[in-house]
Amino acid sequence: MKCKVIGDTVALADLRNIKNQPVQVPQPGKLVHLQFRRFAGCPICNLHLQSFFKNSAQLQENNIHEVVVFHASQERMLKDVIDVPFDLIADPSRQLYRAFGVESSWKAILNFKMMRGALNGVRKFGMKKPESLEAELGLPADFLIDESGKIVALKYGNHADDQWTLNEVIQHAKTEQVSA
């Protein structure tokens, strides 16, 4: 898998969310925050998404559209993922993960920094078993894509709870808007 770098151009055709609605990446006049999460029902992922959901007005104010990809089937996502006002993408075959160089590794769960997020997520959402071991070992990744399709910022996580916070996404967006 080849990792993406800042400056690479992205155009995702025929992308559909879990409700079978078309999703456009890039989007005219907006930045797209493309998040790769682990699996549907992942307590860390759901806790993370909840922080974005509660502050979705800030995302809208900063002209950011959220697209969240899970290594899970559409059916599993409809059942296990918290209801969020974002485009949720099912990628059970990991086609998008491979295209963006998002990997799986034992590092995902062998890191003490992720334990607090995991415990908080389990307390709030419970623990749901992933559809495969590869999904459980998935690493997160974040991409900020401008309206021309250029990746303007990115982060490949080193463990399961190593992703951009809402404030980091907004800061990247503001930096991009200043330089544009």
N, C-alpha and C. Protein backbone atom coordinates (compact mmCIF):
# COMPACT_ATOMS: atom_id res chain seq x y z
N MET A 1 0.84 -1.19 0.00
CA MET A 1 0.00 0.00 0.00
C MET A 1 0.88 1.24 0.00
N LYS A 2 0.53 2.17 -0.84
CA LYS A 2 1.28 3.42 -0.91
C LYS A 2 0.51 4.50 -0.15
N CYS A 3 1.17 5.11 0.81
CA CYS A 3 0.54 6.19 1.58
C CYS A 3 0.39 7.43 0.71
N LYS A 4 -0.65 8.17 0.99
CA LYS A 4 -0.86 9.46 0.33
C LYS A 4 0.03 10.50 0.98
N VAL A 5 0.30 11.56 0.25
CA VAL A 5 1.09 12.67 0.78
C VAL A 5 0.35 13.97 0.49
N ILE A 6 0.72 15.01 1.23
CA ILE A 6 0.13 16.33 0.98
C ILE A 6 0.44 16.73 -0.46
N GLY A 7 -0.58 17.20 -1.15
CA GLY A 7 -0.44 17.59 -2.55
C GLY A 7 -1.02 16.56 -3.51
N ASP A 8 -1.17 15.30 -3.07
CA ASP A 8 -1.83 14.30 -3.92
C ASP A 8 -3.26 14.74 -4.21
N THR A 9 -3.75 14.36 -5.37
CA THR A 9 -5.12 14.70 -5.75
C THR A 9 -6.01 13.47 -5.61
N VAL A 10 -7.21 13.72 -5.09
CA VAL A 10 -8.17 12.66 -4.82
C VAL A 10 -9.47 12.97 -5.55
N ALA A 11 -10.03 11.97 -6.19
CA ALA A 11 -11.37 12.08 -6.79
C ALA A 11 -12.04 10.73 -6.61
N LEU A 12 -13.02 10.67 -5.73
CA LEU A 12 -13.70 9.40 -5.46
C LEU A 12 -15.04 9.40 -6.18
N ALA A 13 -15.13 8.60 -7.21
CA ALA A 13 -16.37 8.49 -7.99
C ALA A 13 -17.20 7.33 -7.45
N ASP A 14 -18.48 7.41 -7.63
CA ASP A 14 -19.41 6.34 -7.27
C ASP A 14 -19.39 5.99 -5.78
N LEU A 15 -19.04 6.94 -4.94
CA LEU A 15 -19.05 6.71 -3.50
C LEU A 15 -20.47 6.90 -2.98
N ARG A 16 -20.93 5.96 -2.14
CA ARG A 16 -22.28 6.04 -1.58
C ARG A 16 -22.20 5.81 -0.08
N ASN A 17 -23.03 6.56 0.67
CA ASN A 17 -23.05 6.37 2.12
C ASN A 17 -23.92 5.16 2.48
N ILE A 18 -24.01 4.86 3.77
CA ILE A 18 -24.73 3.65 4.18
C ILE A 18 -26.23 3.74 3.96
N LYS A 19 -26.71 4.93 3.62
CA LYS A 19 -28.13 5.10 3.28
C LYS A 19 -28.32 5.12 1.76
N ASN A 20 -27.28 4.70 1.04
CA ASN A 20 -27.28 4.61 -0.43
C ASN A 20 -27.40 5.95 -1.14
N GLN A 21 -27.00 7.03 -0.47
CA GLN A 21 -26.99 8.35 -1.09
C GLN A 21 -25.60 8.63 -1.65
N PRO A 22 -25.51 9.31 -2.80
CA PRO A 22 -24.19 9.60 -3.36
C PRO A 22 -23.40 10.57 -2.48
N VAL A 23 -22.10 10.37 -2.43
CA VAL A 23 -21.20 11.23 -1.65
C VAL A 23 -20.14 11.74 -2.61
N GLN A 24 -19.94 13.03 -2.59
CA GLN A 24 -18.99 13.67 -3.49
C GLN A 24 -17.71 14.02 -2.75
N VAL A 25 -16.58 13.51 -3.24
CA VAL A 25 -15.25 13.86 -2.72
C VAL A 25 -14.36 14.07 -3.93
N PRO A 26 -13.92 15.32 -4.16
CA PRO A 26 -14.07 16.54 -3.37
C PRO A 26 -15.47 17.14 -3.53
N GLN A 27 -15.70 18.22 -2.76
CA GLN A 27 -16.98 18.92 -2.83
C GLN A 27 -16.74 20.38 -3.18
N PRO A 28 -17.52 20.90 -4.13
CA PRO A 28 -17.37 22.31 -4.51
C PRO A 28 -17.61 23.24 -3.31
N GLY A 29 -16.68 24.15 -3.09
CA GLY A 29 -16.84 25.16 -2.06
C GLY A 29 -16.65 24.67 -0.64
N LYS A 30 -16.20 23.43 -0.45
CA LYS A 30 -16.01 22.89 0.91
C LYS A 30 -14.71 22.12 1.03
N LEU A 31 -14.27 22.01 2.26
CA LEU A 31 -13.20 21.09 2.59
C LEU A 31 -13.86 19.78 3.02
N VAL A 32 -13.26 18.66 2.66
CA VAL A 32 -13.76 17.36 3.11
C VAL A 32 -12.76 16.81 4.11
N HIS A 33 -13.27 16.46 5.30
CA HIS A 33 -12.46 15.73 6.27
C HIS A 33 -12.81 14.26 6.10
N LEU A 34 -11.93 13.52 5.47
CA LEU A 34 -12.12 12.09 5.23
C LEU A 34 -11.45 11.34 6.36
N GLN A 35 -12.27 10.69 7.20
CA GLN A 35 -11.77 9.94 8.35
C GLN A 35 -11.85 8.44 8.06
N PHE A 36 -10.79 7.72 8.35
CA PHE A 36 -10.81 6.26 8.31
C PHE A 36 -10.81 5.77 9.75
N ARG A 37 -11.87 5.10 10.13
CA ARG A 37 -12.01 4.54 11.48
C ARG A 37 -11.86 3.03 11.41
N ARG A 38 -11.93 2.40 12.54
CA ARG A 38 -11.64 0.97 12.62
C ARG A 38 -12.81 0.10 12.19
N PHE A 39 -13.76 -0.14 13.04
CA PHE A 39 -14.88 -1.02 12.69
C PHE A 39 -16.16 -0.49 13.32
N ALA A 40 -17.28 -0.88 12.75
CA ALA A 40 -18.58 -0.46 13.28
C ALA A 40 -18.70 -1.02 14.69
N GLY A 41 -19.08 -0.19 15.62
CA GLY A 41 -19.19 -0.62 17.01
C GLY A 41 -17.92 -0.42 17.81
N CYS A 42 -16.85 0.05 17.20
CA CYS A 42 -15.59 0.31 17.91
C CYS A 42 -15.86 1.40 18.96
N PRO A 43 -15.63 1.10 20.24
CA PRO A 43 -15.93 2.09 21.27
C PRO A 43 -15.10 3.36 21.15
N ILE A 44 -13.86 3.25 20.74
CA ILE A 44 -13.01 4.43 20.56
C ILE A 44 -13.55 5.28 19.41
N CYS A 45 -13.90 4.63 18.31
CA CYS A 45 -14.41 5.35 17.14
C CYS A 45 -15.72 6.05 17.45
N ASN A 46 -16.62 5.36 18.13
CA ASN A 46 -17.91 5.97 18.45
C ASN A 46 -17.76 7.14 19.41
N LEU A 47 -16.86 7.03 20.38
CA LEU A 47 -16.59 8.13 21.30
C LEU A 47 -16.02 9.32 20.52
N HIS A 48 -15.11 9.05 19.62
CA HIS A 48 -14.51 10.09 18.79
C HIS A 48 -15.57 10.77 17.93
N LEU A 49 -16.41 9.99 17.26
CA LEU A 49 -17.45 10.56 16.41
C LEU A 49 -18.45 11.37 17.21
N GLN A 50 -18.73 10.96 18.44
CA GLN A 50 -19.67 11.69 19.28
C GLN A 50 -19.16 13.11 19.52
N SER A 51 -17.84 13.27 19.69
CA SER A 51 -17.29 14.61 19.91
C SER A 51 -17.49 15.48 18.66
N PHE A 52 -17.42 14.89 17.48
CA PHE A 52 -17.65 15.64 16.25
C PHE A 52 -19.14 15.95 16.10
N PHE A 53 -19.98 14.99 16.43
CA PHE A 53 -21.43 15.17 16.32
C PHE A 53 -21.91 16.31 17.22
N LYS A 54 -21.45 16.33 18.45
CA LYS A 54 -21.87 17.36 19.41
C LYS A 54 -21.44 18.75 18.97
N ASN A 55 -20.41 18.83 18.15
CA ASN A 55 -19.87 20.12 17.72
C ASN A 55 -19.99 20.31 16.21
N SER A 56 -20.98 19.68 15.60
CA SER A 56 -21.11 19.75 14.14
C SER A 56 -21.33 21.17 13.64
N ALA A 57 -21.89 22.05 14.47
CA ALA A 57 -22.08 23.45 14.06
C ALA A 57 -20.72 24.11 13.78
N GLN A 58 -19.71 23.77 14.57
CA GLN A 58 -18.37 24.33 14.33
C GLN A 58 -17.80 23.86 12.99
N LEU A 59 -18.09 22.62 12.64
CA LEU A 59 -17.64 22.09 11.36
C LEU A 59 -18.31 22.86 10.22
N GLN A 60 -19.61 23.07 10.34
CA GLN A 60 -20.35 23.81 9.31
C GLN A 60 -19.85 25.25 9.20
N GLU A 61 -19.58 25.89 10.34
CA GLU A 61 -19.06 27.27 10.33
C GLU A 61 -17.73 27.37 9.61
N ASN A 62 -16.96 26.29 9.65
CA ASN A 62 -15.65 26.28 9.01
C ASN A 62 -15.67 25.59 7.65
N ASN A 63 -16.90 25.36 7.14
CA ASN A 63 -17.07 24.83 5.79
C ASN A 63 -16.42 23.46 5.59
N ILE A 64 -16.60 22.58 6.58
CA ILE A 64 -16.01 21.25 6.56
C ILE A 64 -17.12 20.21 6.46
N HIS A 65 -16.99 19.32 5.49
CA HIS A 65 -17.93 18.21 5.33
C HIS A 65 -17.25 16.93 5.81
N GLU A 66 -17.88 16.21 6.71
CA GLU A 66 -17.33 14.97 7.26
C GLU A 66 -17.74 13.76 6.44
N VAL A 67 -16.75 12.94 6.10
CA VAL A 67 -16.98 11.65 5.47
C VAL A 67 -16.19 10.63 6.28
N VAL A 68 -16.90 9.62 6.81
CA VAL A 68 -16.28 8.66 7.73
C VAL A 68 -16.36 7.26 7.14
N VAL A 69 -15.20 6.62 7.00
CA VAL A 69 -15.11 5.29 6.41
C VAL A 69 -14.85 4.27 7.52
N PHE A 70 -15.61 3.17 7.49
CA PHE A 70 -15.41 2.07 8.44
C PHE A 70 -15.13 0.78 7.69
N HIS A 71 -14.26 -0.04 8.26
CA HIS A 71 -14.03 -1.39 7.74
C HIS A 71 -15.16 -2.26 8.30
N ALA A 72 -16.30 -2.19 7.63
CA ALA A 72 -17.49 -2.91 8.07
C ALA A 72 -18.49 -2.95 6.93
N SER A 73 -19.43 -3.85 7.05
CA SER A 73 -20.50 -3.94 6.06
C SER A 73 -21.55 -2.86 6.32
N GLN A 74 -22.33 -2.56 5.32
CA GLN A 74 -23.40 -1.59 5.46
C GLN A 74 -24.38 -2.02 6.54
N GLU A 75 -24.74 -3.30 6.55
CA GLU A 75 -25.69 -3.82 7.55
C GLU A 75 -25.16 -3.64 8.97
N ARG A 76 -23.90 -3.96 9.15
CA ARG A 76 -23.29 -3.83 10.48
C ARG A 76 -23.24 -2.37 10.92
N MET A 77 -22.93 -1.49 9.99
CA MET A 77 -22.86 -0.07 10.33
C MET A 77 -24.23 0.47 10.71
N LEU A 78 -25.25 0.10 9.96
CA LEU A 78 -26.60 0.56 10.30
C LEU A 78 -27.01 0.08 11.68
N LYS A 79 -26.49 -1.04 12.10
CA LYS A 79 -26.83 -1.62 13.40
C LYS A 79 -25.97 -1.06 14.54
N ASP A 80 -24.68 -0.87 14.30
CA ASP A 80 -23.75 -0.62 15.40
C ASP A 80 -23.21 0.80 15.54
N VAL A 81 -23.26 1.62 14.51
CA VAL A 81 -22.65 2.94 14.58
C VAL A 81 -23.69 3.93 15.12
N ILE A 82 -23.23 4.80 16.03
CA ILE A 82 -24.13 5.82 16.55
C ILE A 82 -24.65 6.68 15.41
N ASP A 83 -25.81 7.23 15.57
CA ASP A 83 -26.42 8.06 14.53
C ASP A 83 -25.70 9.41 14.49
N VAL A 84 -25.07 9.69 13.37
CA VAL A 84 -24.33 10.94 13.20
C VAL A 84 -24.78 11.61 11.91
N PRO A 85 -24.71 12.94 11.84
CA PRO A 85 -25.16 13.66 10.65
C PRO A 85 -24.08 13.76 9.57
N PHE A 86 -23.27 12.74 9.44
CA PHE A 86 -22.17 12.74 8.48
C PHE A 86 -22.39 11.63 7.46
N ASP A 87 -21.63 11.69 6.39
CA ASP A 87 -21.65 10.61 5.42
C ASP A 87 -20.80 9.46 5.96
N LEU A 88 -21.45 8.34 6.23
CA LEU A 88 -20.77 7.14 6.70
C LEU A 88 -20.64 6.17 5.54
N ILE A 89 -19.42 5.68 5.33
CA ILE A 89 -19.11 4.82 4.19
C ILE A 89 -18.71 3.44 4.69
N ALA A 90 -19.38 2.41 4.19
CA ALA A 90 -19.02 1.02 4.49
C ALA A 90 -17.96 0.56 3.49
N ASP A 91 -16.87 0.01 4.00
CA ASP A 91 -15.79 -0.48 3.14
C ASP A 91 -15.33 -1.84 3.65
N PRO A 92 -16.19 -2.87 3.56
CA PRO A 92 -15.83 -4.17 4.11
C PRO A 92 -14.66 -4.83 3.39
N SER A 93 -14.43 -4.51 2.13
CA SER A 93 -13.32 -5.11 1.38
C SER A 93 -12.03 -4.30 1.51
N ARG A 94 -12.08 -3.18 2.22
CA ARG A 94 -10.93 -2.30 2.47
C ARG A 94 -10.36 -1.69 1.19
N GLN A 95 -11.20 -1.52 0.18
CA GLN A 95 -10.76 -0.93 -1.08
C GLN A 95 -10.26 0.49 -0.88
N LEU A 96 -11.03 1.32 -0.15
CA LEU A 96 -10.61 2.70 0.12
C LEU A 96 -9.39 2.73 1.04
N TYR A 97 -9.36 1.84 2.02
CA TYR A 97 -8.21 1.78 2.93
C TYR A 97 -6.92 1.56 2.13
N ARG A 98 -6.95 0.60 1.20
CA ARG A 98 -5.77 0.32 0.39
C ARG A 98 -5.42 1.52 -0.50
N ALA A 99 -6.44 2.14 -1.10
CA ALA A 99 -6.19 3.28 -1.98
C ALA A 99 -5.53 4.44 -1.25
N PHE A 100 -5.80 4.57 0.04
CA PHE A 100 -5.23 5.67 0.83
C PHE A 100 -4.05 5.23 1.70
N GLY A 101 -3.66 3.97 1.60
CA GLY A 101 -2.51 3.49 2.37
C GLY A 101 -2.78 3.38 3.86
N VAL A 102 -4.04 3.16 4.24
CA VAL A 102 -4.41 3.02 5.65
C VAL A 102 -4.28 1.55 6.04
N GLU A 103 -3.47 1.28 7.05
CA GLU A 103 -3.08 -0.09 7.35
C GLU A 103 -3.69 -0.62 8.64
N SER A 104 -3.44 -1.90 8.84
CA SER A 104 -3.76 -2.60 10.08
C SER A 104 -2.45 -3.00 10.72
N SER A 105 -2.44 -3.03 12.05
CA SER A 105 -1.21 -3.39 12.75
C SER A 105 -1.53 -3.76 14.20
N TRP A 106 -0.71 -4.61 14.77
CA TRP A 106 -0.86 -4.92 16.19
C TRP A 106 -0.65 -3.68 17.05
N LYS A 107 0.03 -2.66 16.50
CA LYS A 107 0.23 -1.40 17.23
C LYS A 107 -1.10 -0.75 17.60
N ALA A 108 -2.15 -1.08 16.84
CA ALA A 108 -3.46 -0.46 17.08
C ALA A 108 -3.94 -0.71 18.50
N ILE A 109 -3.72 -1.92 19.00
CA ILE A 109 -4.23 -2.27 20.33
C ILE A 109 -3.14 -2.49 21.36
N LEU A 110 -1.89 -2.43 20.95
CA LEU A 110 -0.79 -2.62 21.89
C LEU A 110 -0.16 -1.28 22.27
N ASN A 111 -1.00 -0.37 22.71
CA ASN A 111 -0.53 0.95 23.09
C ASN A 111 -1.33 1.41 24.30
N PHE A 112 -0.64 1.78 25.35
CA PHE A 112 -1.33 2.18 26.57
C PHE A 112 -2.10 3.49 26.43
N LYS A 113 -1.69 4.35 25.49
CA LYS A 113 -2.37 5.63 25.30
C LYS A 113 -3.81 5.46 24.86
N MET A 114 -4.10 4.35 24.17
CA MET A 114 -5.46 4.15 23.67
C MET A 114 -6.38 3.54 24.71
N MET A 115 -5.85 3.07 25.82
CA MET A 115 -6.66 2.37 26.82
C MET A 115 -7.75 3.26 27.44
N ARG A 116 -7.43 4.51 27.74
CA ARG A 116 -8.42 5.40 28.34
C ARG A 116 -9.60 5.62 27.40
N GLY A 117 -9.30 5.89 26.13
CA GLY A 117 -10.36 6.06 25.14
C GLY A 117 -11.19 4.80 24.98
N ALA A 118 -10.53 3.65 25.00
CA ALA A 118 -11.25 2.37 24.87
C ALA A 118 -12.17 2.16 26.06
N LEU A 119 -11.67 2.39 27.26
CA LEU A 119 -12.49 2.19 28.47
C LEU A 119 -13.66 3.16 28.51
N ASN A 120 -13.42 4.43 28.18
CA ASN A 120 -14.51 5.42 28.16
C ASN A 120 -15.55 5.05 27.11
N GLY A 121 -15.10 4.61 25.95
CA GLY A 121 -16.02 4.21 24.89
C GLY A 121 -16.84 2.99 25.25
N VAL A 122 -16.20 2.01 25.89
CA VAL A 122 -16.93 0.80 26.32
C VAL A 122 -17.98 1.16 27.35
N ARG A 123 -17.62 2.04 28.30
CA ARG A 123 -18.60 2.46 29.32
C ARG A 123 -19.81 3.14 28.68
N LYS A 124 -19.58 3.95 27.66
CA LYS A 124 -20.66 4.70 27.05
C LYS A 124 -21.46 3.91 26.01
N PHE A 125 -20.77 3.11 25.19
CA PHE A 125 -21.43 2.44 24.06
C PHE A 125 -21.43 0.92 24.14
N GLY A 126 -20.69 0.36 25.10
CA GLY A 126 -20.56 -1.09 25.14
C GLY A 126 -19.49 -1.55 24.17
N MET A 127 -19.24 -2.84 24.16
CA MET A 127 -18.21 -3.41 23.28
C MET A 127 -18.89 -4.31 22.27
N LYS A 128 -18.63 -4.05 21.02
CA LYS A 128 -19.17 -4.88 19.96
C LYS A 128 -18.00 -5.50 19.22
N LYS A 129 -18.10 -6.76 18.95
CA LYS A 129 -17.03 -7.49 18.28
C LYS A 129 -16.95 -7.10 16.81
N PRO A 130 -15.74 -6.87 16.28
CA PRO A 130 -15.61 -6.53 14.87
C PRO A 130 -15.91 -7.75 13.99
N GLU A 131 -16.14 -7.49 12.71
CA GLU A 131 -16.42 -8.56 11.77
C GLU A 131 -15.16 -9.36 11.42
N SER A 132 -13.98 -8.79 11.68
CA SER A 132 -12.74 -9.52 11.40
C SER A 132 -11.63 -9.00 12.31
N LEU A 133 -10.61 -9.83 12.50
CA LEU A 133 -9.46 -9.41 13.31
C LEU A 133 -8.77 -8.22 12.65
N GLU A 134 -8.73 -8.20 11.33
CA GLU A 134 -8.08 -7.09 10.62
C GLU A 134 -8.73 -5.75 10.98
N ALA A 135 -10.06 -5.75 11.13
CA ALA A 135 -10.76 -4.52 11.50
C ALA A 135 -10.36 -4.07 12.90
N GLU A 136 -10.24 -5.02 13.82
CA GLU A 136 -9.86 -4.68 15.19
C GLU A 136 -8.45 -4.11 15.24
N LEU A 137 -7.60 -4.54 14.33
CA LEU A 137 -6.21 -4.07 14.29
C LEU A 137 -6.04 -2.85 13.39
N GLY A 138 -7.14 -2.31 12.92
CA GLY A 138 -7.07 -1.16 12.03
C GLY A 138 -6.52 0.08 12.70
N LEU A 139 -5.78 0.84 11.94
CA LEU A 139 -5.25 2.12 12.40
C LEU A 139 -6.09 3.24 11.79
N PRO A 140 -6.31 4.32 12.53
CA PRO A 140 -7.08 5.44 11.98
C PRO A 140 -6.23 6.30 11.05
N ALA A 141 -6.92 7.08 10.24
CA ALA A 141 -6.23 8.05 9.38
C ALA A 141 -7.19 9.20 9.09
N ASP A 142 -6.64 10.38 8.89
CA ASP A 142 -7.41 11.59 8.62
C ASP A 142 -6.81 12.30 7.42
N PHE A 143 -7.69 12.80 6.53
CA PHE A 143 -7.27 13.55 5.36
C PHE A 143 -8.16 14.78 5.24
N LEU A 144 -7.57 15.93 4.98
CA LEU A 144 -8.33 17.13 4.69
C LEU A 144 -8.11 17.42 3.20
N ILE A 145 -9.23 17.44 2.46
CA ILE A 145 -9.19 17.54 1.01
C ILE A 145 -9.90 18.83 0.58
N ASP A 146 -9.21 19.65 -0.23
CA ASP A 146 -9.83 20.91 -0.66
C ASP A 146 -10.79 20.67 -1.83
N GLU A 147 -11.44 21.74 -2.27
CA GLU A 147 -12.48 21.59 -3.30
C GLU A 147 -11.94 21.15 -4.65
N SER A 148 -10.63 21.27 -4.87
CA SER A 148 -10.05 20.79 -6.13
C SER A 148 -9.64 19.32 -6.03
N GLY A 149 -9.73 18.75 -4.83
CA GLY A 149 -9.36 17.35 -4.63
C GLY A 149 -7.96 17.16 -4.08
N LYS A 150 -7.27 18.27 -3.80
CA LYS A 150 -5.90 18.18 -3.28
C LYS A 150 -5.91 17.90 -1.78
N ILE A 151 -5.07 16.96 -1.35
CA ILE A 151 -4.90 16.71 0.08
C ILE A 151 -4.04 17.83 0.64
N VAL A 152 -4.61 18.59 1.59
CA VAL A 152 -3.90 19.74 2.15
C VAL A 152 -3.34 19.46 3.55
N ALA A 153 -3.82 18.39 4.19
CA ALA A 153 -3.29 17.97 5.49
C ALA A 153 -3.67 16.50 5.67
N LEU A 154 -2.85 15.76 6.42
CA LEU A 154 -3.16 14.36 6.67
C LEU A 154 -2.49 13.87 7.93
N LYS A 155 -3.03 12.77 8.44
CA LYS A 155 -2.44 12.12 9.61
C LYS A 155 -2.73 10.62 9.52
N TYR A 156 -1.68 9.82 9.62
CA TYR A 156 -1.82 8.37 9.75
C TYR A 156 -1.59 8.05 11.23
N GLY A 157 -2.58 7.45 11.88
CA GLY A 157 -2.48 7.16 13.31
C GLY A 157 -1.52 6.02 13.60
N ASN A 158 -0.93 6.08 14.80
CA ASN A 158 0.01 5.05 15.25
C ASN A 158 -0.64 4.01 16.15
N HIS A 159 -1.84 4.29 16.65
CA HIS A 159 -2.59 3.33 17.48
C HIS A 159 -4.08 3.66 17.33
N ALA A 160 -4.92 2.86 17.94
CA ALA A 160 -6.37 2.94 17.73
C ALA A 160 -6.99 4.28 18.11
N ASP A 161 -6.38 5.02 19.02
CA ASP A 161 -6.95 6.29 19.48
C ASP A 161 -6.05 7.46 19.09
N ASP A 162 -5.42 7.35 17.93
CA ASP A 162 -4.48 8.38 17.45
C ASP A 162 -5.03 9.01 16.19
N GLN A 163 -5.99 9.91 16.36
CA GLN A 163 -6.61 10.60 15.24
C GLN A 163 -6.75 12.07 15.59
N TRP A 164 -7.07 12.89 14.58
CA TRP A 164 -7.27 14.31 14.82
C TRP A 164 -8.47 14.52 15.74
N THR A 165 -8.34 15.49 16.62
CA THR A 165 -9.47 15.96 17.40
C THR A 165 -10.26 16.95 16.54
N LEU A 166 -11.44 17.29 16.98
CA LEU A 166 -12.24 18.29 16.29
C LEU A 166 -11.46 19.59 16.16
N ASN A 167 -10.81 20.02 17.23
CA ASN A 167 -10.04 21.27 17.20
C ASN A 167 -8.90 21.21 16.19
N GLU A 168 -8.26 20.06 16.07
CA GLU A 168 -7.18 19.93 15.09
C GLU A 168 -7.71 20.03 13.66
N VAL A 169 -8.86 19.41 13.39
CA VAL A 169 -9.47 19.50 12.06
C VAL A 169 -9.78 20.96 11.74
N ILE A 170 -10.38 21.66 12.69
CA ILE A 170 -10.74 23.07 12.47
C ILE A 170 -9.48 23.92 12.28
N GLN A 171 -8.44 23.65 13.05
CA GLN A 171 -7.20 24.41 12.89
C GLN A 171 -6.59 24.19 11.50
N HIS A 172 -6.59 22.94 11.04
CA HIS A 172 -6.09 22.65 9.68
C HIS A 172 -6.93 23.39 8.64
N ALA A 173 -8.25 23.40 8.84
CA ALA A 173 -9.14 24.10 7.90
C ALA A 173 -8.85 25.59 7.88
N LYS A 174 -8.68 26.18 9.05
CA LYS A 174 -8.38 27.62 9.12
C LYS A 174 -7.04 27.94 8.46
N THR A 175 -6.06 27.10 8.68
CA THR A 175 -4.75 27.28 8.05
C THR A 175 -4.89 27.23 6.54
N GLU A 176 -5.69 26.29 6.05
CA GLU A 176 -5.90 26.15 4.61
C GLU A 176 -6.64 27.36 4.05
N GLN A 177 -7.63 27.86 4.78
CA GLN A 177 -8.41 29.01 4.30
C GLN A 177 -7.55 30.27 4.24
N VAL A 178 -6.61 30.41 5.17
CA VAL A 178 -5.70 31.56 5.17
C VAL A 178 -4.75 31.49 3.99
N SER A 179 -4.25 30.27 3.68
CA SER A 179 -3.26 30.13 2.61
C SER A 179 -3.90 30.09 1.23
N ALA A 180 -5.22 29.89 1.16
CA ALA A 180 -5.89 29.79 -0.15
C ALA A 180 -6.07 31.13 -0.81
